[in-house]
């Protein structure tokens, strides 16, 4: 199994989302995140972590709301956001680092 460090270093630019299956805002973002993946077409990694299954990891990263997004460039966090947002906002933020 990949470690979180492997995940954030799997591509130069990586977006990580923390979500929960019971969270209505997270459920609303699921198709948006799928669209983001499709629009990026493999140019950046996109990974999702269920906060209930990854509580220690989320806590260690300071995630206190869901959905939460963390953008990594060369393994370093460069942008964080939480809540529902337009997919184009996410894509344009990622493209700043591509």
C-alpha atoms as a PDB file:
ATOM      1  CA  UNK A   1       0.000   0.000   0.000  1.00  0.00           C
ATOM      2  CA  UNK A   2       1.156   3.500  -0.838  1.00  0.00           C
ATOM      3  CA  UNK A   3       1.988   5.878   1.957  1.00  0.00           C
ATOM      4  CA  UNK A   4       0.622   9.412   1.946  1.00  0.00           C
ATOM      5  CA  UNK A   5       4.145  10.598   1.113  1.00  0.00           C
ATOM      6  CA  UNK A   6       4.138   8.299  -1.942  1.00  0.00           C
ATOM      7  CA  UNK A   7       0.786   9.754  -2.994  1.00  0.00           C
ATOM      8  CA  UNK A   8       1.799  13.415  -2.761  1.00  0.00           C
ATOM      9  CA  UNK A   9       5.030  12.667  -4.629  1.00  0.00           C
ATOM     10  CA  UNK A  10       3.408  10.472  -7.301  1.00  0.00           C
ATOM     11  CA  UNK A  11       3.196  13.449  -9.658  1.00  0.00           C
ATOM     12  CA  UNK A  12       4.746  16.927  -9.555  1.00  0.00           C
ATOM     13  CA  UNK A  13       1.324  18.463  -8.857  1.00  0.00           C
ATOM     14  CA  UNK A  14      -1.168  16.536  -6.712  1.00  0.00           C
ATOM     15  CA  UNK A  15      -4.606  17.488  -5.369  1.00  0.00           C
ATOM     16  CA  UNK A  16      -5.801  15.692  -2.239  1.00  0.00           C
ATOM     17  CA  UNK A  17      -9.389  15.852  -1.032  1.00  0.00           C
ATOM     18  CA  UNK A  18     -10.567  14.792   2.411  1.00  0.00           C
ATOM     19  CA  UNK A  19     -14.251  13.873   2.457  1.00  0.00           C
ATOM     20  CA  UNK A  20     -16.815  11.795   4.346  1.00  0.00           C
ATOM     21  CA  UNK A  21     -19.543   9.613   2.868  1.00  0.00           C
ATOM     22  CA  UNK A  22     -22.091  11.095   5.305  1.00  0.00           C
ATOM     23  CA  UNK A  23     -21.265  14.726   4.425  1.00  0.00           C
ATOM     24  CA  UNK A  24     -23.796  16.363   2.028  1.00  0.00           C
ATOM     25  CA  UNK A  25     -21.237  18.966   0.855  1.00  0.00           C
ATOM     26  CA  UNK A  26     -18.750  16.163   0.120  1.00  0.00           C
ATOM     27  CA  UNK A  27     -21.384  14.251  -1.851  1.00  0.00           C
ATOM     28  CA  UNK A  28     -22.134  17.419  -3.829  1.00  0.00           C
ATOM     29  CA  UNK A  29     -18.417  17.736  -4.653  1.00  0.00           C
ATOM     30  CA  UNK A  30     -17.999  14.117  -5.861  1.00  0.00           C
ATOM     31  CA  UNK A  31     -19.094  14.788  -9.480  1.00  0.00           C
ATOM     32  CA  UNK A  32     -17.133  18.067  -9.447  1.00  0.00           C
ATOM     33  CA  UNK A  33     -13.943  16.218  -8.443  1.00  0.00           C
ATOM     34  CA  UNK A  34     -14.607  13.643 -11.190  1.00  0.00           C
ATOM     35  CA  UNK A  35     -14.929  16.526 -13.695  1.00  0.00           C
ATOM     36  CA  UNK A  36     -11.657  18.020 -12.393  1.00  0.00           C
ATOM     37  CA  UNK A  37      -9.931  14.653 -12.938  1.00  0.00           C
ATOM     38  CA  UNK A  38     -11.319  14.467 -16.482  1.00  0.00           C
ATOM     39  CA  UNK A  39     -10.314  18.047 -17.310  1.00  0.00           C
ATOM     40  CA  UNK A  40      -6.775  17.503 -16.024  1.00  0.00           C
ATOM     41  CA  UNK A  41      -6.463  14.348 -18.131  1.00  0.00           C
ATOM     42  CA  UNK A  42      -3.613  12.912 -16.077  1.00  0.00           C
ATOM     43  CA  UNK A  43      -1.568  16.132 -15.924  1.00  0.00           C
ATOM     44  CA  UNK A  44      -1.885  16.164 -12.115  1.00  0.00           C
ATOM     45  CA  UNK A  45      -2.687  13.523  -9.543  1.00  0.00           C
ATOM     46  CA  UNK A  46      -6.083  13.680  -7.827  1.00  0.00           C
ATOM     47  CA  UNK A  47      -6.606  11.571  -4.707  1.00  0.00           C
ATOM     48  CA  UNK A  48      -9.484  11.316  -2.258  1.00  0.00           C
ATOM     49  CA  UNK A  49      -9.272  10.188   1.352  1.00  0.00           C
ATOM     50  CA  UNK A  50     -12.250   9.315   3.544  1.00  0.00           C
ATOM     51  CA  UNK A  51     -11.666  11.296   6.735  1.00  0.00           C
ATOM     52  CA  UNK A  52     -13.311   8.564   8.844  1.00  0.00           C
ATOM     53  CA  UNK A  53     -10.729   6.043   7.594  1.00  0.00           C
ATOM     54  CA  UNK A  54      -7.822   8.507   7.741  1.00  0.00           C
ATOM     55  CA  UNK A  55      -8.505  10.559  10.891  1.00  0.00           C
ATOM     56  CA  UNK A  56      -4.893  10.585  12.139  1.00  0.00           C
ATOM     57  CA  UNK A  57      -3.634  11.720   8.737  1.00  0.00           C
ATOM     58  CA  UNK A  58      -6.287  14.454   8.508  1.00  0.00           C
ATOM     59  CA  UNK A  59      -5.492  15.629  12.034  1.00  0.00           C
ATOM     60  CA  UNK A  60      -1.750  15.692  11.303  1.00  0.00           C
ATOM     61  CA  UNK A  61      -2.433  17.909   8.271  1.00  0.00           C
ATOM     62  CA  UNK A  62      -4.712  20.258  10.213  1.00  0.00           C
ATOM     63  CA  UNK A  63      -7.856  19.314   8.293  1.00  0.00           C
ATOM     64  CA  UNK A  64     -10.771  20.576  10.350  1.00  0.00           C
ATOM     65  CA  UNK A  65     -13.567  20.859   7.804  1.00  0.00           C
ATOM     66  CA  UNK A  66     -14.796  18.749   4.944  1.00  0.00           C
ATOM     67  CA  UNK A  67     -14.597  18.651   2.066  1.00  0.00           C
ATOM     68  CA  UNK A  68     -11.015  19.914   2.320  1.00  0.00           C
ATOM     69  CA  UNK A  69      -8.598  20.248  -0.559  1.00  0.00           C
ATOM     70  CA  UNK A  70      -4.817  20.441  -0.356  1.00  0.00           C
ATOM     71  CA  UNK A  71      -2.744  21.091  -3.462  1.00  0.00           C
ATOM     72  CA  UNK A  72       0.844  19.854  -3.442  1.00  0.00           C
ATOM     73  CA  UNK A  73       3.655  20.960  -5.743  1.00  0.00           C
ATOM     74  CA  UNK A  74       6.763  18.780  -5.520  1.00  0.00           C
ATOM     75  CA  UNK A  75       5.421  17.265  -2.291  1.00  0.00           C
ATOM     76  CA  UNK A  76       4.897  20.636  -0.568  1.00  0.00           C
ATOM     77  CA  UNK A  77       1.448  22.074   0.228  1.00  0.00           C
ATOM     78  CA  UNK A  78       0.864  25.242  -1.817  1.00  0.00           C
ATOM     79  CA  UNK A  79      -2.907  25.786  -1.495  1.00  0.00           C
ATOM     80  CA  UNK A  80      -5.681  24.670   0.811  1.00  0.00           C
ATOM     81  CA  UNK A  81      -9.416  25.251   0.656  1.00  0.00           C
ATOM     82  CA  UNK A  82     -12.486  23.763   2.181  1.00  0.00           C
ATOM     83  CA  UNK A  83     -16.177  23.625   1.339  1.00  0.00           C
ATOM     84  CA  UNK A  84     -18.077  23.380  -1.896  1.00  0.00           C
ATOM     85  CA  UNK A  85     -16.556  25.223  -4.834  1.00  0.00           C
ATOM     86  CA  UNK A  86     -16.711  25.404  -8.580  1.00  0.00           C
ATOM     87  CA  UNK A  87     -14.566  22.851 -10.390  1.00  0.00           C
ATOM     88  CA  UNK A  88     -13.133  25.583 -12.603  1.00  0.00           C
ATOM     89  CA  UNK A  89     -11.707  27.292  -9.519  1.00  0.00           C
ATOM     90  CA  UNK A  90      -9.923  24.061  -8.585  1.00  0.00           C
ATOM     91  CA  UNK A  91      -8.666  23.432 -12.132  1.00  0.00           C
ATOM     92  CA  UNK A  92      -7.357  26.978 -12.556  1.00  0.00           C
ATOM     93  CA  UNK A  93      -5.548  26.769  -9.206  1.00  0.00           C
ATOM     94  CA  UNK A  94      -3.944  23.450 -10.231  1.00  0.00           C
ATOM     95  CA  UNK A  95      -2.978  24.862 -13.642  1.00  0.00           C
ATOM     96  CA  UNK A  96      -1.037  27.671 -11.915  1.00  0.00           C
ATOM     97  CA  UNK A  97       1.427  24.950 -10.838  1.00  0.00           C
ATOM     98  CA  UNK A  98       1.528  22.828 -14.003  1.00  0.00           C
END
